[in-house]
Amino acid sequence: MRWLFFAVAAVLLAGCAGYRLGPLNGEPAGARSVQFHPFANRTIEPRVSEYVNEALRKQLQRDGTYRLETQDEGDIIVWGEIERLDRGELSFLANDALTPQDYNLSLVAHITAIDRSTGKTNVDRMVVGRTAIRVGSDLSSAERQAIPMLAEDLARNAVSAITDAPW
């Protein structure tokens, strides 16, 4: 019985052998700072940029790899443009094959991040946030309520792109 316990413990510990605690870029957490410039909104949906800007700041703080710089100049400068808010049918009503019941929403932004000290652009790419919504009686209200979730998903993907870049 004792050998079984040790065998199970050895297997479990071997599974954790590749796990690393903290940032994967080799720097200590919080060693560098990120400054976000407000994202420009190129969509017709109002206030999307406010949701995205807030979600980016929260996600960077939640991630912990870099510090959020709000007063001075950060080591990494990030800005972007929210380019599109797309909607596509996901599923239809069971009794009406032409009426959508669920939609897939996507928010597309182009982000750029540069290293202030070298001027090198390390991130220059499109980032997408996605969510699904159930349409009730009002599609526009359902979309408006989904914007914060879209912004959070976009922020997760953007912060991941920034923290995974070679700085």
N, C-alpha and C. Protein backbone atom coordinates (compact mmCIF):
# COMPACT_ATOMS: atom_id res chain seq x y z
N MET A 1 0.82 -1.18 0.00
CA MET A 1 0.00 0.00 0.00
C MET A 1 0.87 1.26 0.00
N ARG A 2 1.96 1.19 0.77
CA ARG A 2 2.84 2.35 0.86
C ARG A 2 3.51 2.64 -0.49
N TRP A 3 3.90 1.59 -1.20
CA TRP A 3 4.54 1.78 -2.50
C TRP A 3 3.58 2.42 -3.49
N LEU A 4 2.28 2.12 -3.39
CA LEU A 4 1.28 2.72 -4.26
C LEU A 4 1.20 4.23 -4.02
N PHE A 5 1.23 4.62 -2.74
CA PHE A 5 1.21 6.04 -2.40
C PHE A 5 2.41 6.77 -3.00
N PHE A 6 3.60 6.19 -2.87
CA PHE A 6 4.80 6.81 -3.41
C PHE A 6 4.78 6.85 -4.94
N ALA A 7 4.23 5.83 -5.56
CA ALA A 7 4.13 5.81 -7.03
C ALA A 7 3.20 6.91 -7.53
N VAL A 8 2.06 7.05 -6.87
CA VAL A 8 1.12 8.11 -7.25
C VAL A 8 1.73 9.48 -7.01
N ALA A 9 2.40 9.67 -5.89
CA ALA A 9 3.04 10.96 -5.58
C ALA A 9 4.12 11.27 -6.60
N ALA A 10 4.89 10.27 -7.02
CA ALA A 10 5.95 10.49 -8.00
C ALA A 10 5.36 10.91 -9.35
N VAL A 11 4.27 10.28 -9.74
CA VAL A 11 3.62 10.64 -11.01
C VAL A 11 3.08 12.06 -10.94
N LEU A 12 2.44 12.42 -9.84
CA LEU A 12 1.89 13.77 -9.70
C LEU A 12 2.99 14.83 -9.70
N LEU A 13 4.06 14.57 -9.00
CA LEU A 13 5.16 15.53 -8.95
C LEU A 13 5.86 15.65 -10.29
N ALA A 14 5.97 14.56 -11.02
CA ALA A 14 6.60 14.61 -12.35
C ALA A 14 5.75 15.43 -13.31
N GLY A 15 4.44 15.41 -13.14
CA GLY A 15 3.56 16.21 -13.99
C GLY A 15 3.74 17.69 -13.78
N CYS A 16 4.18 18.09 -12.61
CA CYS A 16 4.38 19.51 -12.30
C CYS A 16 5.81 19.97 -12.58
N ALA A 17 6.65 19.10 -13.09
CA ALA A 17 8.07 19.43 -13.26
C ALA A 17 8.29 20.57 -14.23
N GLY A 18 7.45 20.73 -15.24
CA GLY A 18 7.63 21.79 -16.23
C GLY A 18 6.95 23.10 -15.86
N TYR A 19 6.25 23.13 -14.76
CA TYR A 19 5.52 24.33 -14.36
C TYR A 19 6.48 25.38 -13.83
N ARG A 20 6.27 26.62 -14.25
CA ARG A 20 7.08 27.74 -13.75
C ARG A 20 6.18 28.75 -13.10
N LEU A 21 6.57 29.22 -11.97
CA LEU A 21 5.82 30.23 -11.24
C LEU A 21 6.33 31.59 -11.67
N GLY A 22 5.40 32.50 -12.01
CA GLY A 22 5.77 33.85 -12.38
C GLY A 22 5.87 34.03 -13.88
N PRO A 23 6.36 35.20 -14.31
CA PRO A 23 6.45 35.50 -15.74
C PRO A 23 7.39 34.56 -16.47
N LEU A 24 7.08 34.29 -17.73
CA LEU A 24 7.88 33.37 -18.53
C LEU A 24 8.99 34.07 -19.30
N ASN A 25 9.07 35.40 -19.23
CA ASN A 25 10.07 36.12 -20.01
C ASN A 25 11.41 36.27 -19.28
N GLY A 26 11.54 35.68 -18.11
CA GLY A 26 12.82 35.71 -17.41
C GLY A 26 13.01 36.90 -16.49
N GLU A 27 12.16 37.90 -16.58
CA GLU A 27 12.26 39.07 -15.71
C GLU A 27 11.40 38.87 -14.47
N PRO A 28 11.76 39.51 -13.37
CA PRO A 28 10.89 39.42 -12.19
C PRO A 28 9.57 40.14 -12.47
N ALA A 29 8.51 39.68 -11.84
CA ALA A 29 7.20 40.30 -12.02
C ALA A 29 7.24 41.77 -11.60
N GLY A 30 6.69 42.63 -12.43
CA GLY A 30 6.63 44.06 -12.13
C GLY A 30 7.90 44.82 -12.38
N ALA A 31 8.91 44.20 -13.00
CA ALA A 31 10.18 44.88 -13.24
C ALA A 31 10.04 46.00 -14.27
N ARG A 32 9.12 45.84 -15.21
CA ARG A 32 8.90 46.85 -16.24
C ARG A 32 7.48 47.36 -16.14
N SER A 33 7.24 48.53 -16.71
CA SER A 33 5.91 49.12 -16.64
C SER A 33 5.34 49.32 -18.04
N VAL A 34 4.02 49.34 -18.11
CA VAL A 34 3.30 49.53 -19.36
C VAL A 34 2.43 50.76 -19.25
N GLN A 35 2.47 51.58 -20.27
CA GLN A 35 1.63 52.77 -20.35
C GLN A 35 0.68 52.58 -21.52
N PHE A 36 -0.62 52.65 -21.25
CA PHE A 36 -1.63 52.53 -22.30
C PHE A 36 -2.09 53.90 -22.73
N HIS A 37 -2.04 54.15 -24.04
CA HIS A 37 -2.70 55.33 -24.60
C HIS A 37 -4.13 54.92 -24.92
N PRO A 38 -5.09 55.81 -24.77
CA PRO A 38 -6.48 55.43 -25.07
C PRO A 38 -6.62 54.92 -26.50
N PHE A 39 -7.35 53.82 -26.63
CA PHE A 39 -7.60 53.23 -27.94
C PHE A 39 -8.63 54.08 -28.68
N ALA A 40 -8.41 54.27 -29.96
CA ALA A 40 -9.35 55.01 -30.81
C ALA A 40 -10.49 54.07 -31.23
N ASN A 41 -11.69 54.58 -31.27
CA ASN A 41 -12.86 53.79 -31.65
C ASN A 41 -13.24 54.11 -33.09
N ARG A 42 -13.07 53.15 -33.99
CA ARG A 42 -13.43 53.32 -35.40
C ARG A 42 -14.76 52.64 -35.73
N THR A 43 -15.47 52.17 -34.70
CA THR A 43 -16.77 51.53 -34.91
C THR A 43 -17.87 52.56 -34.73
N ILE A 44 -19.09 52.17 -35.06
CA ILE A 44 -20.22 53.09 -34.86
C ILE A 44 -20.84 52.93 -33.48
N GLU A 45 -20.36 51.94 -32.72
CA GLU A 45 -20.88 51.71 -31.37
C GLU A 45 -20.21 52.68 -30.40
N PRO A 46 -21.01 53.50 -29.69
CA PRO A 46 -20.41 54.46 -28.75
C PRO A 46 -19.84 53.78 -27.51
N ARG A 47 -18.85 54.39 -26.92
CA ARG A 47 -18.24 54.01 -25.65
C ARG A 47 -17.48 52.69 -25.66
N VAL A 48 -17.25 52.10 -26.84
CA VAL A 48 -16.50 50.85 -26.88
C VAL A 48 -15.07 51.07 -26.38
N SER A 49 -14.47 52.18 -26.76
CA SER A 49 -13.08 52.42 -26.36
C SER A 49 -12.95 52.57 -24.84
N GLU A 50 -13.95 53.14 -24.19
CA GLU A 50 -13.88 53.27 -22.73
C GLU A 50 -13.87 51.90 -22.07
N TYR A 51 -14.71 50.99 -22.56
CA TYR A 51 -14.74 49.64 -22.01
C TYR A 51 -13.41 48.92 -22.27
N VAL A 52 -12.87 49.06 -23.46
CA VAL A 52 -11.61 48.40 -23.80
C VAL A 52 -10.47 48.96 -22.97
N ASN A 53 -10.38 50.28 -22.85
CA ASN A 53 -9.30 50.90 -22.08
C ASN A 53 -9.34 50.46 -20.61
N GLU A 54 -10.52 50.41 -20.04
CA GLU A 54 -10.65 49.98 -18.64
C GLU A 54 -10.29 48.50 -18.50
N ALA A 55 -10.75 47.68 -19.43
CA ALA A 55 -10.47 46.24 -19.37
C ALA A 55 -8.98 45.97 -19.54
N LEU A 56 -8.30 46.73 -20.40
CA LEU A 56 -6.85 46.55 -20.59
C LEU A 56 -6.10 46.82 -19.30
N ARG A 57 -6.45 47.89 -18.62
CA ARG A 57 -5.76 48.22 -17.38
C ARG A 57 -5.99 47.15 -16.31
N LYS A 58 -7.24 46.72 -16.18
CA LYS A 58 -7.55 45.69 -15.18
C LYS A 58 -6.84 44.37 -15.49
N GLN A 59 -6.82 43.99 -16.76
CA GLN A 59 -6.20 42.73 -17.14
C GLN A 59 -4.69 42.77 -16.92
N LEU A 60 -4.06 43.89 -17.21
CA LEU A 60 -2.62 43.99 -16.99
C LEU A 60 -2.31 43.87 -15.50
N GLN A 61 -3.11 44.50 -14.66
CA GLN A 61 -2.90 44.39 -13.21
C GLN A 61 -3.17 42.98 -12.73
N ARG A 62 -4.16 42.33 -13.28
CA ARG A 62 -4.50 40.95 -12.91
C ARG A 62 -3.39 39.99 -13.33
N ASP A 63 -2.80 40.23 -14.51
CA ASP A 63 -1.74 39.36 -15.02
C ASP A 63 -0.49 39.45 -14.14
N GLY A 64 -0.08 40.65 -13.78
CA GLY A 64 1.03 40.83 -12.86
C GLY A 64 2.42 40.78 -13.47
N THR A 65 2.54 40.51 -14.77
CA THR A 65 3.87 40.45 -15.37
C THR A 65 4.51 41.84 -15.40
N TYR A 66 3.74 42.85 -15.73
CA TYR A 66 4.22 44.23 -15.79
C TYR A 66 3.37 45.12 -14.90
N ARG A 67 3.96 46.24 -14.49
CA ARG A 67 3.22 47.23 -13.71
C ARG A 67 2.48 48.16 -14.65
N LEU A 68 1.33 48.64 -14.22
CA LEU A 68 0.59 49.63 -14.97
C LEU A 68 1.10 51.01 -14.59
N GLU A 69 1.55 51.77 -15.58
CA GLU A 69 2.06 53.11 -15.35
C GLU A 69 0.94 54.10 -15.68
N THR A 70 0.55 54.89 -14.69
CA THR A 70 -0.53 55.85 -14.91
C THR A 70 -0.09 57.30 -14.80
N GLN A 71 1.03 57.56 -14.17
CA GLN A 71 1.48 58.94 -13.97
C GLN A 71 2.62 59.34 -14.90
N ASP A 72 3.67 58.55 -14.91
CA ASP A 72 4.86 58.89 -15.69
C ASP A 72 4.87 58.07 -16.98
N GLU A 73 6.02 58.06 -17.62
CA GLU A 73 6.18 57.30 -18.85
C GLU A 73 6.56 55.87 -18.55
N GLY A 74 5.87 54.93 -19.19
CA GLY A 74 6.15 53.52 -18.97
C GLY A 74 7.30 53.03 -19.83
N ASP A 75 7.83 51.87 -19.49
CA ASP A 75 8.89 51.24 -20.27
C ASP A 75 8.36 50.75 -21.62
N ILE A 76 7.10 50.31 -21.62
CA ILE A 76 6.44 49.82 -22.83
C ILE A 76 5.23 50.72 -23.08
N ILE A 77 5.11 51.21 -24.30
CA ILE A 77 4.00 52.09 -24.66
C ILE A 77 3.07 51.32 -25.59
N VAL A 78 1.79 51.30 -25.26
CA VAL A 78 0.80 50.56 -26.03
C VAL A 78 -0.30 51.51 -26.48
N TRP A 79 -0.66 51.39 -27.75
CA TRP A 79 -1.83 52.10 -28.26
C TRP A 79 -2.49 51.24 -29.31
N GLY A 80 -3.69 51.61 -29.67
CA GLY A 80 -4.40 50.80 -30.65
C GLY A 80 -5.64 51.47 -31.18
N GLU A 81 -6.25 50.80 -32.13
CA GLU A 81 -7.50 51.26 -32.73
C GLU A 81 -8.48 50.09 -32.74
N ILE A 82 -9.68 50.36 -32.29
CA ILE A 82 -10.75 49.37 -32.36
C ILE A 82 -11.35 49.52 -33.74
N GLU A 83 -11.18 48.51 -34.57
CA GLU A 83 -11.52 48.64 -35.98
C GLU A 83 -12.91 48.13 -36.35
N ARG A 84 -13.34 47.03 -35.74
CA ARG A 84 -14.63 46.46 -36.16
C ARG A 84 -15.36 45.83 -34.98
N LEU A 85 -16.66 45.89 -35.07
CA LEU A 85 -17.55 45.13 -34.19
C LEU A 85 -18.44 44.32 -35.12
N ASP A 86 -18.20 43.01 -35.17
CA ASP A 86 -18.90 42.14 -36.11
C ASP A 86 -19.91 41.27 -35.38
N ARG A 87 -20.99 40.93 -36.10
CA ARG A 87 -22.02 40.06 -35.56
C ARG A 87 -22.33 38.99 -36.60
N GLY A 88 -22.38 37.75 -36.16
CA GLY A 88 -22.72 36.64 -37.05
C GLY A 88 -23.68 35.69 -36.36
N GLU A 89 -24.56 35.09 -37.14
CA GLU A 89 -25.53 34.15 -36.58
C GLU A 89 -24.82 32.91 -36.06
N LEU A 90 -25.27 32.47 -34.90
CA LEU A 90 -24.68 31.29 -34.28
C LEU A 90 -25.67 30.12 -34.29
N SER A 91 -26.93 30.41 -33.96
CA SER A 91 -27.97 29.38 -34.01
C SER A 91 -29.31 30.05 -34.33
N PHE A 92 -30.26 29.23 -34.76
CA PHE A 92 -31.55 29.75 -35.19
C PHE A 92 -32.67 29.13 -34.36
N LEU A 93 -33.82 29.76 -34.38
CA LEU A 93 -34.98 29.23 -33.67
C LEU A 93 -35.35 27.87 -34.23
N ALA A 94 -35.82 26.99 -33.37
CA ALA A 94 -36.16 25.63 -33.79
C ALA A 94 -37.32 25.60 -34.77
N ASN A 95 -38.27 26.51 -34.60
CA ASN A 95 -39.45 26.52 -35.46
C ASN A 95 -39.36 27.53 -36.61
N ASP A 96 -38.24 28.25 -36.71
CA ASP A 96 -38.06 29.24 -37.77
C ASP A 96 -36.58 29.27 -38.15
N ALA A 97 -36.26 28.67 -39.26
CA ALA A 97 -34.85 28.54 -39.68
C ALA A 97 -34.25 29.84 -40.19
N LEU A 98 -35.04 30.90 -40.29
CA LEU A 98 -34.52 32.19 -40.77
C LEU A 98 -34.28 33.20 -39.64
N THR A 99 -34.78 32.93 -38.45
CA THR A 99 -34.65 33.88 -37.34
C THR A 99 -33.54 33.43 -36.39
N PRO A 100 -32.48 34.21 -36.27
CA PRO A 100 -31.38 33.84 -35.36
C PRO A 100 -31.82 33.92 -33.90
N GLN A 101 -31.33 32.99 -33.12
CA GLN A 101 -31.58 32.97 -31.68
C GLN A 101 -30.34 33.42 -30.92
N ASP A 102 -29.18 33.02 -31.41
CA ASP A 102 -27.90 33.39 -30.79
C ASP A 102 -27.00 34.01 -31.84
N TYR A 103 -26.21 34.97 -31.38
CA TYR A 103 -25.24 35.63 -32.26
C TYR A 103 -23.85 35.48 -31.66
N ASN A 104 -22.86 35.46 -32.52
CA ASN A 104 -21.47 35.50 -32.12
C ASN A 104 -20.97 36.92 -32.40
N LEU A 105 -20.54 37.62 -31.37
CA LEU A 105 -20.01 38.98 -31.53
C LEU A 105 -18.49 38.93 -31.47
N SER A 106 -17.85 39.74 -32.30
CA SER A 106 -16.40 39.84 -32.23
C SER A 106 -15.99 41.30 -32.33
N LEU A 107 -14.98 41.64 -31.56
CA LEU A 107 -14.43 42.99 -31.51
C LEU A 107 -12.98 42.89 -31.96
N VAL A 108 -12.63 43.62 -33.01
CA VAL A 108 -11.31 43.52 -33.62
C VAL A 108 -10.55 44.83 -33.39
N ALA A 109 -9.34 44.72 -32.88
CA ALA A 109 -8.51 45.89 -32.64
C ALA A 109 -7.10 45.63 -33.16
N HIS A 110 -6.46 46.68 -33.59
CA HIS A 110 -5.06 46.62 -33.99
C HIS A 110 -4.26 47.25 -32.87
N ILE A 111 -3.32 46.49 -32.28
CA ILE A 111 -2.52 47.02 -31.18
C ILE A 111 -1.06 47.14 -31.60
N THR A 112 -0.41 48.14 -31.04
CA THR A 112 1.01 48.36 -31.26
C THR A 112 1.65 48.62 -29.90
N ALA A 113 2.77 47.96 -29.65
CA ALA A 113 3.52 48.16 -28.40
C ALA A 113 4.99 48.35 -28.75
N ILE A 114 5.57 49.42 -28.22
CA ILE A 114 6.99 49.68 -28.47
C ILE A 114 7.74 49.77 -27.15
N ASP A 115 9.01 49.46 -27.22
CA ASP A 115 9.91 49.60 -26.09
C ASP A 115 10.41 51.04 -26.10
N ARG A 116 10.14 51.77 -25.04
CA ARG A 116 10.50 53.20 -24.99
C ARG A 116 12.01 53.41 -25.11
N SER A 117 12.80 52.56 -24.49
CA SER A 117 14.25 52.77 -24.47
C SER A 117 14.90 52.51 -25.83
N THR A 118 14.41 51.53 -26.59
CA THR A 118 15.03 51.21 -27.87
C THR A 118 14.23 51.73 -29.06
N GLY A 119 12.95 52.00 -28.86
CA GLY A 119 12.10 52.43 -29.96
C GLY A 119 11.64 51.28 -30.84
N LYS A 120 11.97 50.07 -30.46
CA LYS A 120 11.63 48.89 -31.25
C LYS A 120 10.16 48.51 -31.04
N THR A 121 9.48 48.22 -32.14
CA THR A 121 8.10 47.76 -32.08
C THR A 121 8.11 46.25 -31.91
N ASN A 122 7.65 45.78 -30.75
CA ASN A 122 7.65 44.35 -30.46
C ASN A 122 6.29 43.71 -30.68
N VAL A 123 5.23 44.49 -30.68
CA VAL A 123 3.89 43.98 -30.94
C VAL A 123 3.24 44.90 -31.95
N ASP A 124 2.79 44.33 -33.05
CA ASP A 124 2.06 45.08 -34.08
C ASP A 124 1.13 44.07 -34.75
N ARG A 125 -0.05 43.91 -34.17
CA ARG A 125 -0.92 42.85 -34.65
C ARG A 125 -2.40 43.12 -34.36
N MET A 126 -3.23 42.32 -35.00
CA MET A 126 -4.66 42.37 -34.78
C MET A 126 -4.99 41.46 -33.61
N VAL A 127 -5.91 41.91 -32.76
CA VAL A 127 -6.37 41.14 -31.61
C VAL A 127 -7.88 41.10 -31.67
N VAL A 128 -8.45 39.95 -31.33
CA VAL A 128 -9.89 39.76 -31.41
C VAL A 128 -10.44 39.33 -30.06
N GLY A 129 -11.57 39.92 -29.69
CA GLY A 129 -12.34 39.48 -28.54
C GLY A 129 -13.65 38.91 -29.03
N ARG A 130 -14.11 37.82 -28.41
CA ARG A 130 -15.35 37.16 -28.87
C ARG A 130 -16.25 36.83 -27.69
N THR A 131 -17.56 36.85 -27.98
CA THR A 131 -18.55 36.37 -27.03
C THR A 131 -19.81 36.01 -27.79
N ALA A 132 -20.65 35.22 -27.16
CA ALA A 132 -21.93 34.83 -27.76
C ALA A 132 -23.05 35.48 -26.96
N ILE A 133 -24.12 35.87 -27.66
CA ILE A 133 -25.26 36.46 -26.98
C ILE A 133 -26.54 35.76 -27.41
N ARG A 134 -27.49 35.73 -26.52
CA ARG A 134 -28.83 35.22 -26.80
C ARG A 134 -29.72 36.43 -27.04
N VAL A 135 -30.41 36.42 -28.14
CA VAL A 135 -31.25 37.55 -28.51
C VAL A 135 -32.62 37.36 -27.89
N GLY A 136 -33.04 38.36 -27.14
CA GLY A 136 -34.41 38.36 -26.62
C GLY A 136 -35.27 39.18 -27.56
N SER A 137 -35.94 40.16 -27.01
CA SER A 137 -36.82 40.98 -27.82
C SER A 137 -36.08 42.15 -28.47
N ASP A 138 -34.84 42.44 -28.00
CA ASP A 138 -34.13 43.62 -28.48
C ASP A 138 -32.66 43.29 -28.74
N LEU A 139 -32.29 43.20 -30.00
CA LEU A 139 -30.92 42.85 -30.38
C LEU A 139 -29.93 43.92 -29.96
N SER A 140 -30.27 45.19 -30.14
CA SER A 140 -29.31 46.25 -29.81
C SER A 140 -29.02 46.30 -28.31
N SER A 141 -30.02 46.05 -27.47
CA SER A 141 -29.77 46.02 -26.02
C SER A 141 -28.89 44.83 -25.64
N ALA A 142 -29.12 43.69 -26.27
CA ALA A 142 -28.30 42.52 -26.00
C ALA A 142 -26.85 42.78 -26.40
N GLU A 143 -26.65 43.45 -27.54
CA GLU A 143 -25.29 43.78 -27.98
C GLU A 143 -24.62 44.74 -27.01
N ARG A 144 -25.36 45.77 -26.59
CA ARG A 144 -24.79 46.76 -25.66
C ARG A 144 -24.39 46.11 -24.34
N GLN A 145 -25.17 45.15 -23.88
CA GLN A 145 -24.84 44.47 -22.63
C GLN A 145 -23.64 43.54 -22.78
N ALA A 146 -23.37 43.11 -24.01
CA ALA A 146 -22.25 42.20 -24.26
C ALA A 146 -20.93 42.93 -24.47
N ILE A 147 -20.96 44.23 -24.70
CA ILE A 147 -19.74 45.00 -24.99
C ILE A 147 -18.70 44.85 -23.86
N PRO A 148 -19.06 44.94 -22.58
CA PRO A 148 -18.02 44.75 -21.54
C PRO A 148 -17.37 43.37 -21.60
N MET A 149 -18.14 42.32 -21.90
CA MET A 149 -17.55 40.98 -22.01
C MET A 149 -16.62 40.89 -23.22
N LEU A 150 -17.01 41.53 -24.32
CA LEU A 150 -16.14 41.58 -25.50
C LEU A 150 -14.83 42.29 -25.17
N ALA A 151 -14.96 43.41 -24.47
CA ALA A 151 -13.77 44.19 -24.10
C ALA A 151 -12.84 43.38 -23.20
N GLU A 152 -13.40 42.61 -22.28
CA GLU A 152 -12.57 41.79 -21.39
C GLU A 152 -11.84 40.69 -22.16
N ASP A 153 -12.52 40.06 -23.11
CA ASP A 153 -11.86 39.02 -23.90
C ASP A 153 -10.77 39.62 -24.79
N LEU A 154 -11.05 40.77 -25.38
CA LEU A 154 -10.05 41.46 -26.19
C LEU A 154 -8.85 41.84 -25.32
N ALA A 155 -9.11 42.34 -24.12
CA ALA A 155 -8.02 42.73 -23.21
C ALA A 155 -7.17 41.53 -22.81
N ARG A 156 -7.79 40.38 -22.55
CA ARG A 156 -7.02 39.17 -22.22
C ARG A 156 -6.08 38.81 -23.35
N ASN A 157 -6.58 38.86 -24.57
CA ASN A 157 -5.76 38.51 -25.73
C ASN A 157 -4.67 39.54 -25.98
N ALA A 158 -4.99 40.82 -25.78
CA ALA A 158 -4.00 41.88 -25.99
C ALA A 158 -2.89 41.81 -24.95
N VAL A 159 -3.24 41.65 -23.69
CA VAL A 159 -2.23 41.58 -22.63
C VAL A 159 -1.38 40.32 -22.82
N SER A 160 -1.98 39.25 -23.25
CA SER A 160 -1.21 38.03 -23.54
C SER A 160 -0.20 38.28 -24.65
N ALA A 161 -0.61 39.00 -25.69
CA ALA A 161 0.31 39.33 -26.79
C ALA A 161 1.46 40.21 -26.29
N ILE A 162 1.16 41.13 -25.40
CA ILE A 162 2.18 42.04 -24.89
C ILE A 162 3.15 41.30 -23.96
N THR A 163 2.62 40.48 -23.07
CA THR A 163 3.51 39.79 -22.11
C THR A 163 4.30 38.67 -22.75
N ASP A 164 3.81 38.10 -23.84
CA ASP A 164 4.53 37.02 -24.53
C ASP A 164 5.56 37.54 -25.53
N ALA A 165 5.55 38.83 -25.81
CA ALA A 165 6.49 39.41 -26.78
C ALA A 165 7.91 39.44 -26.19
N PRO A 166 8.91 39.33 -27.04
CA PRO A 166 10.30 39.39 -26.54
C PRO A 166 10.71 40.83 -26.25
N TRP A 167 10.80 41.19 -25.00
CA TRP A 167 11.21 42.54 -24.63
C TRP A 167 12.65 42.50 -24.21
